[in-house]
């Protein structure tokens, strides 16, 4: 599956705006040029994982949220992860997984 850097850039820009930072303020903190950040936010260049992690830490957002569009702690993330796993399973494996989850629910008191 190809990585869509324009979506990643859009999510970074949204996170930056949500944090109330201008491009100028963010580049001062990470030590890059405004041109670089602008190109990342528009998807014109690829961002490496180290720089992505640095920006995510400053914006207080997870890399998973930027890459996948959902927070690792959200219910939507887990639903997506379960669906991805189930898509890889045969019908027999899906039935087994379902039965195991049913047993867990029946025997768990949370």
Protein backbone atom coordinates (compact mmCIF):
# COMPACT_ATOMS: atom_id res chain seq x y z
CA UNK A 1 0.00 0.00 0.00
CA UNK A 2 1.42 3.37 -1.03
CA UNK A 3 1.74 6.15 1.49
CA UNK A 4 -0.24 9.26 0.56
CA UNK A 5 1.99 12.09 1.75
CA UNK A 6 -0.62 14.72 0.86
CA UNK A 7 -2.98 13.23 3.46
CA UNK A 8 -0.19 13.06 6.02
CA UNK A 9 0.67 16.69 5.30
CA UNK A 10 -2.96 17.73 5.61
CA UNK A 11 -3.24 15.99 8.98
CA UNK A 12 -0.04 17.65 10.19
CA UNK A 13 -1.34 21.06 9.14
CA UNK A 14 -4.66 20.43 10.90
CA UNK A 15 -2.83 19.35 14.07
CA UNK A 16 -0.59 22.43 13.91
CA UNK A 17 -3.59 24.72 13.48
CA UNK A 18 -5.46 22.97 16.28
CA UNK A 19 -2.47 23.58 18.54
CA UNK A 20 -2.62 27.27 17.55
CA UNK A 21 0.83 27.38 15.95
CA UNK A 22 1.82 29.17 12.79
CA UNK A 23 4.27 27.60 10.38
CA UNK A 24 6.86 30.11 11.57
CA UNK A 25 6.41 29.10 15.19
CA UNK A 26 6.67 25.39 14.41
CA UNK A 27 9.77 25.68 12.22
CA UNK A 28 11.55 27.61 14.99
CA UNK A 29 10.96 24.67 17.31
CA UNK A 30 12.05 21.94 14.87
CA UNK A 31 14.85 23.74 13.04
CA UNK A 32 13.67 23.53 9.44
CA UNK A 33 12.70 26.13 6.86
CA UNK A 34 9.18 27.37 6.25
CA UNK A 35 9.55 26.16 2.65
CA UNK A 36 10.26 22.63 3.91
CA UNK A 37 7.27 22.60 6.26
CA UNK A 38 5.03 24.04 3.57
CA UNK A 39 6.08 21.29 1.16
CA UNK A 40 5.48 18.64 3.82
CA UNK A 41 2.03 20.01 4.60
CA UNK A 42 1.09 20.01 0.91
CA UNK A 43 2.53 16.55 0.31
CA UNK A 44 5.09 17.78 -2.21
CA UNK A 45 7.95 16.14 -0.34
CA UNK A 46 8.16 13.07 1.85
CA UNK A 47 8.76 13.40 5.57
CA UNK A 48 11.00 10.88 7.30
CA UNK A 49 9.86 9.08 10.45
CA UNK A 50 12.35 10.86 12.70
CA UNK A 51 11.09 14.30 11.65
CA UNK A 52 7.47 13.11 11.82
CA UNK A 53 8.02 11.90 15.37
CA UNK A 54 9.63 15.20 16.33
CA UNK A 55 6.68 17.20 14.96
CA UNK A 56 4.14 14.87 16.54
CA UNK A 57 5.80 15.25 19.94
CA UNK A 58 5.63 19.04 19.66
CA UNK A 59 2.02 18.95 18.54
CA UNK A 60 1.10 16.41 21.23
CA UNK A 61 -0.35 13.96 18.72
CA UNK A 62 0.56 10.35 17.97
CA UNK A 63 2.31 9.28 14.80
CA UNK A 64 -0.49 6.75 14.34
CA UNK A 65 -3.05 9.50 14.29
CA UNK A 66 -1.14 11.32 11.55
CA UNK A 67 -0.45 8.17 9.53
CA UNK A 68 -3.80 6.43 10.01
CA UNK A 69 -6.14 9.28 10.78
CA UNK A 70 -7.18 7.91 14.16
CA UNK A 71 -5.72 7.88 17.64
CA UNK A 72 -4.29 4.61 18.92
CA UNK A 73 -6.47 4.95 21.99
CA UNK A 74 -9.75 5.60 20.21
CA UNK A 75 -12.49 3.04 19.70
CA UNK A 76 -12.40 3.78 15.97
CA UNK A 77 -8.74 2.73 15.86
CA UNK A 78 -9.44 -0.61 17.52
CA UNK A 79 -12.42 -1.27 15.26
CA UNK A 80 -10.23 -0.58 12.27
CA UNK A 81 -7.48 -2.86 13.60
CA UNK A 82 -9.95 -5.69 14.26
CA UNK A 83 -11.40 -5.31 10.77
CA UNK A 84 -7.94 -5.40 9.21
CA UNK A 85 -7.10 -8.59 11.08
CA UNK A 86 -10.41 -10.23 10.18
CA UNK A 87 -9.96 -9.40 6.49
CA UNK A 88 -6.81 -11.52 6.53
CA UNK A 89 -8.62 -14.51 8.05
CA UNK A 90 -10.39 -17.30 6.26
CA UNK A 91 -14.11 -17.74 7.03
CA UNK A 92 -13.20 -20.59 9.38
CA UNK A 93 -10.68 -18.41 11.22
CA UNK A 94 -13.21 -15.57 11.44
CA UNK A 95 -15.75 -17.92 13.02
CA UNK A 96 -13.16 -19.13 15.52
CA UNK A 97 -12.19 -15.56 16.40
CA UNK A 98 -15.86 -14.70 16.89
CA UNK A 99 -16.39 -17.68 19.18
CA UNK A 100 -13.31 -16.79 21.22
CA UNK A 101 -14.51 -13.21 21.66
CA UNK A 102 -17.94 -14.45 22.70
CA UNK A 103 -16.31 -16.67 25.34
CA UNK A 104 -14.25 -13.76 26.61
CA UNK A 105 -17.35 -11.57 26.90
CA UNK A 106 -19.27 -14.29 28.73
CA UNK A 107 -16.48 -14.91 31.23
CA UNK A 108 -15.29 -11.37 31.87
CA UNK A 109 -16.67 -9.02 34.42
CA UNK A 110 -15.20 -5.57 33.93
